[in-house]
Protein backbone atom coordinates (compact mmCIF):
# COMPACT_ATOMS: atom_id res chain seq x y z
CA UNK A 1 -14.37 2.36 6.68
CA UNK A 2 -11.63 0.22 5.17
CA UNK A 3 -11.35 -2.39 2.44
CA UNK A 4 -9.01 -4.95 4.02
CA UNK A 5 -6.40 -4.39 1.32
CA UNK A 6 -3.12 -3.81 3.20
CA UNK A 7 -1.12 -0.87 1.85
CA UNK A 8 2.16 -1.51 3.60
CA UNK A 9 3.81 -2.78 6.77
CA UNK A 10 4.81 -0.46 9.60
CA UNK A 11 7.46 -1.10 12.26
CA UNK A 12 6.88 -0.39 15.94
CA UNK A 13 9.58 2.01 17.15
CA UNK A 14 8.25 3.00 20.59
CA UNK A 15 5.62 1.87 23.09
CA UNK A 16 4.71 4.22 25.93
CA UNK A 17 2.16 3.49 28.64
CA UNK A 18 0.18 6.37 30.11
CA UNK A 19 -2.33 5.19 32.67
CA UNK A 20 -4.33 2.45 30.96
CA UNK A 21 -3.56 3.83 27.49
CA UNK A 22 -0.76 2.73 25.19
CA UNK A 23 0.88 5.21 22.81
CA UNK A 24 2.21 3.31 19.79
CA UNK A 25 4.81 4.92 17.51
CA UNK A 26 5.23 3.45 14.04
CA UNK A 27 7.77 4.04 11.28
CA UNK A 28 6.11 3.82 7.88
CA UNK A 29 6.47 4.93 4.29
CA UNK A 30 2.93 6.29 4.65
CA UNK A 31 3.88 8.81 7.35
CA UNK A 32 4.56 11.69 4.95
CA UNK A 33 1.00 11.34 3.60
CA UNK A 34 -0.70 11.25 7.00
CA UNK A 35 -2.16 14.07 9.04
CA UNK A 36 -3.19 14.39 12.68
CA UNK A 37 -6.75 13.10 13.33
CA UNK A 38 -6.58 10.72 10.36
CA UNK A 39 -7.79 7.13 10.83
CA UNK A 40 -5.41 4.28 10.06
CA UNK A 41 -6.05 0.56 10.57
CA UNK A 42 -3.25 -1.24 12.47
CA UNK A 43 -3.63 -5.03 12.26
CA UNK A 44 -7.27 -4.23 11.53
CA UNK A 45 -7.75 -1.84 14.48
CA UNK A 46 -8.87 1.67 13.53
CA UNK A 47 -6.75 4.18 15.48
CA UNK A 48 -6.35 7.97 15.19
CA UNK A 49 -3.04 9.64 14.38
CA UNK A 50 -2.19 11.92 17.32
CA UNK A 51 1.32 13.10 16.38
CA UNK A 52 3.82 13.08 13.51
CA UNK A 53 7.62 13.23 13.71
CA UNK A 54 9.93 12.56 10.77
CA UNK A 55 9.06 9.18 9.29
CA UNK A 56 7.11 8.10 12.39
CA UNK A 57 3.63 8.75 13.71
CA UNK A 58 1.89 7.92 16.97
CA UNK A 59 -1.55 6.50 17.75
CA UNK A 60 -3.15 5.71 21.10
CA UNK A 61 -4.94 2.49 22.07
CA UNK A 62 -7.27 2.53 25.08
CA UNK A 63 -7.55 -0.28 27.62
CA UNK A 64 -10.60 -1.90 25.97
CA UNK A 65 -8.76 -2.06 22.65
CA UNK A 66 -5.73 -3.62 24.31
CA UNK A 67 -7.90 -6.26 25.99
CA UNK A 68 -9.83 -7.23 22.86
CA UNK A 69 -7.03 -7.20 20.27
CA UNK A 70 -3.42 -8.30 19.85
CA UNK A 71 -2.07 -4.74 20.11
CA UNK A 72 -1.25 -5.20 23.79
CA UNK A 73 1.27 -7.90 22.77
CA UNK A 74 3.27 -5.62 20.47
CA UNK A 75 7.00 -5.20 20.99
CA UNK A 76 9.44 -2.69 19.55
CA UNK A 77 10.55 -4.01 16.17
CA UNK A 78 7.29 -5.84 15.44
CA UNK A 79 5.62 -5.30 12.07
CA UNK A 80 1.95 -4.32 11.71
CA UNK A 81 -0.38 -4.30 8.71
CA UNK A 82 -1.40 -0.75 7.74
CA UNK A 83 -4.32 0.59 5.72
CA UNK A 84 -5.64 4.13 5.47
CA UNK A 85 -9.39 4.73 5.35
CA UNK A 86 -11.03 4.09 2.00
CA UNK A 87 -11.74 6.94 -0.38
CA UNK A 88 -15.42 7.27 -1.29
CA UNK A 89 -15.86 6.57 -5.00
CA UNK A 90 -12.84 4.27 -5.34
CA UNK A 91 -13.04 0.59 -6.22
CA UNK A 92 -13.75 -1.66 -3.26
CA UNK A 93 -11.14 -4.37 -3.88
CA UNK A 94 -11.61 -6.23 -0.59
CA UNK A 95 -14.87 -6.00 1.37
CA UNK A 96 -16.47 -3.51 3.76
CA UNK A 97 -14.29 -3.43 6.90
CA UNK A 98 -15.08 -1.20 9.88
CA UNK A 99 -11.77 -1.41 11.70
CA UNK A 100 -13.58 -2.69 14.80
CA UNK A 101 -12.05 -5.97 15.93
CA UNK A 102 -14.63 -8.47 17.20
CA UNK A 103 -12.25 -10.88 18.91
CA UNK A 104 -8.93 -12.66 18.58
CA UNK A 105 -8.02 -16.13 17.32
CA UNK A 106 -5.03 -18.45 17.57
CA UNK A 107 -3.24 -19.81 14.54
CA UNK A 108 -3.39 -23.61 14.74
CA UNK A 109 -1.71 -24.65 11.50
CA UNK A 110 0.42 -23.27 8.66
CA UNK A 111 0.79 -25.32 5.49
CA UNK A 112 2.53 -24.48 2.22
CA UNK A 113 0.90 -26.14 -0.77
CA UNK A 114 1.31 -25.64 -4.51
CA UNK A 115 2.75 -22.13 -4.18
CA UNK A 116 0.21 -20.84 -1.68
CA UNK A 117 -0.13 -21.01 2.09
CA UNK A 118 -3.05 -22.31 4.13
CA UNK A 119 -3.57 -20.94 7.63
CA UNK A 120 -6.01 -22.41 10.16
CA UNK A 121 -7.40 -20.56 13.19
CA UNK A 122 -9.42 -21.34 16.31
CA UNK A 123 -11.58 -18.79 18.12
CA UNK A 124 -14.14 -18.56 20.93
CA UNK A 125 -17.47 -19.37 19.27
CA UNK A 126 -19.44 -18.46 22.41
CA UNK A 127 -19.22 -14.80 21.38
CA UNK A 128 -21.61 -15.58 18.52
CA UNK A 129 -19.47 -14.53 15.56
CA UNK A 130 -20.00 -16.90 12.61
CA UNK A 131 -17.74 -17.76 9.70
CA UNK A 132 -19.24 -18.98 6.44
CA UNK A 133 -17.42 -21.01 3.81
CA UNK A 134 -16.59 -18.68 0.90
CA UNK A 135 -17.63 -15.74 3.07
CA UNK A 136 -15.41 -12.81 4.04
CA UNK A 137 -13.20 -12.54 7.13
CA UNK A 138 -10.64 -9.93 8.13
CA UNK A 139 -7.46 -11.20 9.81
CA UNK A 140 -5.18 -8.48 11.21
CA UNK A 141 -6.84 -6.10 8.77
CA UNK A 142 -6.42 -8.33 5.71
CA UNK A 143 -9.58 -9.08 3.72
CA UNK A 144 -9.76 -12.81 3.00
CA UNK A 145 -12.15 -15.54 1.91
CA UNK A 146 -12.94 -18.41 4.27
CA UNK A 147 -11.92 -21.76 2.77
CA UNK A 148 -13.20 -24.14 5.45
CA UNK A 149 -15.55 -23.21 8.27
CA UNK A 150 -16.25 -25.09 11.50
CA UNK A 151 -18.08 -24.14 14.69
CA UNK A 152 -15.02 -22.44 16.18
CA UNK A 153 -12.42 -22.92 13.44
CA UNK A 154 -11.76 -21.76 9.91
CA UNK A 155 -8.98 -21.64 7.38
CA UNK A 156 -7.86 -19.24 4.65
CA UNK A 157 -5.60 -19.53 1.61
CA UNK A 158 -2.89 -16.91 1.10
CA UNK A 159 -1.37 -16.13 -2.30
CA UNK A 160 2.37 -15.36 -2.48
CA UNK A 161 1.86 -11.58 -2.87
CA UNK A 162 -0.22 -11.38 0.31
CA UNK A 163 2.19 -13.64 2.16
CA UNK A 164 5.17 -11.47 1.22
CA UNK A 165 3.52 -8.08 1.83
CA UNK A 166 1.61 -8.59 5.09
CA UNK A 167 2.25 -9.97 8.56
CA UNK A 168 1.24 -13.44 7.39
CA UNK A 169 4.90 -14.26 6.69
CA UNK A 170 5.56 -14.05 10.45
CA UNK A 171 2.63 -16.19 11.61
CA UNK A 172 3.26 -19.55 13.21
CA UNK A 173 1.25 -21.93 15.33
CA UNK A 174 0.20 -20.02 18.46
CA UNK A 175 0.24 -16.55 16.86
CA UNK A 176 -2.63 -14.38 18.17
CA UNK A 177 -4.49 -12.49 15.43
CA UNK A 178 -7.32 -9.96 15.30
CA UNK A 179 -10.60 -10.94 13.66
CA UNK A 180 -13.30 -8.74 12.21
CA UNK A 181 -16.18 -10.86 10.97
CA UNK A 182 -18.22 -9.91 7.91
CA UNK A 183 -20.42 -6.98 8.93
CA UNK A 184 -23.45 -8.20 6.96
CA UNK A 185 -23.13 -11.70 8.40
CA UNK A 186 -22.92 -10.29 11.93
CA UNK A 187 -26.12 -8.27 11.52
CA UNK A 188 -28.00 -11.17 9.96
CA UNK A 189 -26.88 -13.51 12.76
CA UNK A 190 -27.96 -10.97 15.38
CA UNK A 191 -31.38 -10.46 13.79
CA UNK A 192 -31.98 -14.20 13.50
CA UNK A 193 -30.86 -14.66 17.10
CA UNK A 194 -33.43 -12.13 18.30
CA UNK A 195 -36.20 -14.03 16.51
CA UNK A 196 -35.39 -17.36 18.13
CA UNK A 197 -37.78 -18.29 20.95
CA UNK A 198 -36.22 -18.29 24.40
């Protein structure tokens, strides 16, 4: 489990394909604190550390992960949002995040206003994942509050600290991001869906 509070950015240093898997090597200030088999969220995707070398570590993404997230689009030099798994008993500053990406979305607008930034996104609503105004959403692993919610669109407001310390400062119109919808909202929507007459 994660909180959606990004600890730091990592930089992709190597991408190696092996069959349908992708081995992703990242340079990070967190590397010295990691151990093999530890879970780390990369742009919101929970992956397991498989090797450590100097200030870099490697994780492996399987084909399904590459198809359902933006990790398959990574290039050497790209930055990724990083968060280690939450510690039981610590404050939950964001919201409950599983590290299981539900789907991707495209950035449709970026607007700077009164010292903050507003980002709008469009996603495939046919997959049944709802957003709720003032509800929680995770974008590339970052816990955020939905400002405006439509059938297949939503927007979020980003404070300067988040903008400067996450991948949001690189987003532009057309950027593909990972979404994890609020886990409680997903379960409620699924239960209500099962009760609807067919």
